[in-house]
Amino acid sequence: MNYISFLTDYNGVLSDIVADWPLSVPSPLPESYLGSPNKEESIWSPIAVRVRLAWLILVMLCILDGKAEIKYVSNYERIGWSKVIVSLPGNPTAEEIPVDQVIDHFRNFNSAFEEAYKKQSAWVVPDPKLRDEIKMWFARRMGPVYKELFDNYGGV
């Protein structure tokens, strides 16, 4: 971090060096894809059709990327945490659960959770939005059921 603070000592020289740099950011798409066709050209000209086709492909790729993200989250749930979800009772407050079953639910949950945690702690989700979505799914799906079970039968 000291290097950045030392750069402020040379701000006059740096501004002279950076002044000649171009401000454009390179784009992975060709320039013709980013602009719209000229008004003199018809909408059926080859350039206009090419631009619209490129935008359609780009939109389709974005849609497919969003669906792949949803599929990833559902597979993550199914593969990683299905045993943990199954170990919890469907509705812990619906009926009185016998003590031996409560003990089995807690024991099964703890062992399934430990196993899933060991496997899932090695997974890396680089997208922060997706990581937050997975956290929210976990909190919505398992948190309330376990809390009800623990509140009702935690003293067993």
Protein backbone atom coordinates (compact mmCIF):
# COMPACT_ATOMS: atom_id res chain seq x y z
CA MET A 1 0.00 0.00 0.00
CA ASN A 2 2.94 2.33 0.54
CA TYR A 3 3.66 2.25 -3.18
CA ILE A 4 0.32 3.83 -3.93
CA SER A 5 0.85 6.57 -1.36
CA PHE A 6 4.33 7.25 -2.82
CA LEU A 7 2.74 7.77 -6.24
CA THR A 8 1.08 10.92 -4.93
CA ASP A 9 4.54 12.47 -4.59
CA TYR A 10 4.88 12.17 -8.36
CA ASN A 11 1.41 13.30 -9.40
CA GLY A 12 2.72 16.03 -11.73
CA VAL A 13 4.91 13.66 -13.69
CA LEU A 14 2.28 10.93 -13.72
CA SER A 15 -0.37 13.27 -15.08
CA ASP A 16 1.97 14.18 -17.97
CA ILE A 17 2.56 10.49 -18.72
CA VAL A 18 -1.10 9.47 -18.47
CA ALA A 19 -2.33 12.47 -20.49
CA ASP A 20 -1.29 10.82 -23.76
CA TRP A 21 -3.04 7.52 -23.07
CA PRO A 22 -6.27 6.83 -24.99
CA LEU A 23 -9.43 6.73 -22.87
CA SER A 24 -11.18 4.03 -24.86
CA VAL A 25 -11.69 0.64 -23.29
CA PRO A 26 -11.22 -2.26 -25.70
CA SER A 27 -14.40 -4.22 -26.32
CA PRO A 28 -14.58 -7.92 -27.20
CA LEU A 29 -17.24 -7.06 -29.80
CA PRO A 30 -16.40 -5.44 -33.13
CA GLU A 31 -17.16 -1.74 -33.42
CA SER A 32 -19.95 -2.33 -35.92
CA TYR A 33 -21.91 -4.37 -33.34
CA LEU A 34 -22.03 -1.54 -30.84
CA GLY A 35 -23.42 1.20 -33.04
CA SER A 36 -26.78 1.42 -34.74
CA PRO A 37 -27.12 1.54 -38.51
CA ASN A 38 -27.23 4.89 -40.24
CA LYS A 39 -30.63 6.42 -40.81
CA GLU A 40 -30.02 6.50 -44.54
CA GLU A 41 -29.70 2.73 -44.61
CA SER A 42 -32.82 0.62 -44.57
CA ILE A 43 -33.51 -1.85 -41.79
CA TRP A 44 -32.99 -4.66 -44.31
CA SER A 45 -29.49 -3.64 -45.33
CA PRO A 46 -26.79 -6.26 -44.64
CA ILE A 47 -25.20 -4.11 -41.95
CA ALA A 48 -28.48 -3.56 -40.10
CA VAL A 49 -29.37 -7.24 -40.26
CA ARG A 50 -25.90 -8.17 -39.01
CA VAL A 51 -26.17 -5.74 -36.09
CA ARG A 52 -29.60 -7.00 -35.08
CA LEU A 53 -28.48 -10.62 -35.39
CA ALA A 54 -25.46 -9.89 -33.17
CA TRP A 55 -27.73 -8.31 -30.54
CA LEU A 56 -30.07 -11.31 -30.67
CA ILE A 57 -27.15 -13.67 -30.14
CA LEU A 58 -25.91 -11.55 -27.25
CA VAL A 59 -29.38 -11.55 -25.63
CA MET A 60 -29.67 -15.32 -26.07
CA LEU A 61 -26.26 -15.82 -24.45
CA CYS A 62 -27.32 -13.68 -21.48
CA ILE A 63 -30.54 -15.67 -21.10
CA LEU A 64 -28.67 -18.97 -21.28
CA ASP A 65 -26.16 -17.71 -18.74
CA GLY A 66 -28.99 -16.84 -16.34
CA LYS A 67 -30.58 -20.26 -16.80
CA ALA A 68 -27.21 -21.95 -16.23
CA GLU A 69 -26.90 -20.05 -12.96
CA ILE A 70 -30.35 -21.25 -11.83
CA LYS A 71 -29.44 -24.81 -12.82
CA TYR A 72 -26.18 -24.54 -10.88
CA VAL A 73 -28.01 -23.46 -7.72
CA SER A 74 -30.58 -26.24 -8.02
CA ASN A 75 -27.85 -28.84 -8.61
CA TYR A 76 -25.90 -27.43 -5.68
CA GLU A 77 -28.98 -27.88 -3.50
CA ARG A 78 -29.74 -31.37 -4.76
CA ILE A 79 -26.22 -32.77 -4.72
CA GLY A 80 -24.80 -30.99 -1.73
CA TRP A 81 -27.58 -30.63 0.79
CA SER A 82 -30.36 -33.12 -0.06
CA LYS A 83 -29.39 -35.54 2.72
CA VAL A 84 -29.44 -32.70 5.24
CA ILE A 85 -32.88 -31.55 4.11
CA VAL A 86 -34.28 -35.09 4.23
CA SER A 87 -32.95 -35.57 7.78
CA LEU A 88 -35.26 -32.83 9.08
CA PRO A 89 -38.95 -33.55 9.65
CA GLY A 90 -41.36 -31.99 7.17
CA ASN A 91 -43.30 -29.99 9.76
CA PRO A 92 -41.91 -30.27 13.30
CA THR A 93 -44.90 -28.48 14.89
CA ALA A 94 -47.69 -30.41 13.12
CA GLU A 95 -47.76 -33.29 15.57
CA GLU A 96 -46.05 -34.54 18.65
CA ILE A 97 -42.91 -36.43 17.64
CA PRO A 98 -41.76 -39.28 19.90
CA VAL A 99 -38.53 -38.61 21.81
CA ASP A 100 -36.59 -41.40 20.11
CA GLN A 101 -37.49 -39.99 16.67
CA VAL A 102 -36.47 -36.49 17.79
CA ILE A 103 -33.10 -37.84 18.89
CA ASP A 104 -32.75 -39.63 15.56
CA HIS A 105 -33.63 -36.41 13.67
CA PHE A 106 -30.96 -34.46 15.55
CA ARG A 107 -28.38 -37.22 15.14
CA ASN A 108 -29.12 -37.66 11.42
CA PHE A 109 -29.11 -33.92 10.85
CA ASN A 110 -25.78 -33.44 12.62
CA SER A 111 -24.06 -36.27 10.76
CA ALA A 112 -25.51 -35.25 7.38
CA PHE A 113 -24.64 -31.61 8.02
CA GLU A 114 -21.04 -32.46 8.96
CA GLU A 115 -20.65 -34.62 5.86
CA ALA A 116 -22.12 -31.97 3.56
CA TYR A 117 -20.09 -29.22 5.20
CA LYS A 118 -16.84 -31.13 4.64
CA LYS A 119 -17.68 -31.61 0.97
CA GLN A 120 -19.04 -28.12 0.35
CA SER A 121 -16.31 -26.19 2.16
CA ALA A 122 -13.98 -27.01 -0.75
CA TRP A 123 -16.37 -25.50 -3.32
CA VAL A 124 -15.59 -21.98 -4.47
CA VAL A 125 -18.32 -19.74 -5.87
CA PRO A 126 -16.51 -16.78 -7.45
CA ASP A 127 -19.66 -14.81 -8.31
CA PRO A 128 -20.64 -12.79 -5.19
CA LYS A 129 -24.27 -12.48 -6.29
CA LEU A 130 -24.58 -16.23 -6.76
CA ARG A 131 -22.80 -16.85 -3.46
CA ASP A 132 -25.31 -14.58 -1.68
CA GLU A 133 -28.18 -16.35 -3.42
CA ILE A 134 -26.90 -19.71 -2.16
CA LYS A 135 -26.60 -18.31 1.38
CA MET A 136 -30.15 -16.97 1.24
CA TRP A 137 -31.44 -20.31 -0.07
CA PHE A 138 -29.71 -22.09 2.81
CA ALA A 139 -31.16 -19.67 5.37
CA ARG A 140 -34.70 -19.91 3.92
CA ARG A 141 -34.73 -23.64 3.41
CA MET A 142 -33.09 -25.16 6.46
CA GLY A 143 -33.00 -22.41 9.06
CA PRO A 144 -36.69 -22.19 9.99
CA VAL A 145 -37.28 -25.95 10.09
CA TYR A 146 -34.24 -26.61 12.29
CA LYS A 147 -35.11 -23.64 14.52
CA GLU A 148 -38.66 -24.97 15.08
CA LEU A 149 -37.35 -28.45 15.79
CA PHE A 150 -34.76 -27.11 18.22
CA ASP A 151 -37.20 -24.71 19.93
CA ASN A 152 -39.76 -27.47 20.42
CA TYR A 153 -37.49 -30.39 21.21
CA GLY A 154 -34.09 -28.92 22.06
CA GLY A 155 -34.29 -29.98 25.68
CA VAL A 156 -34.61 -33.66 24.81
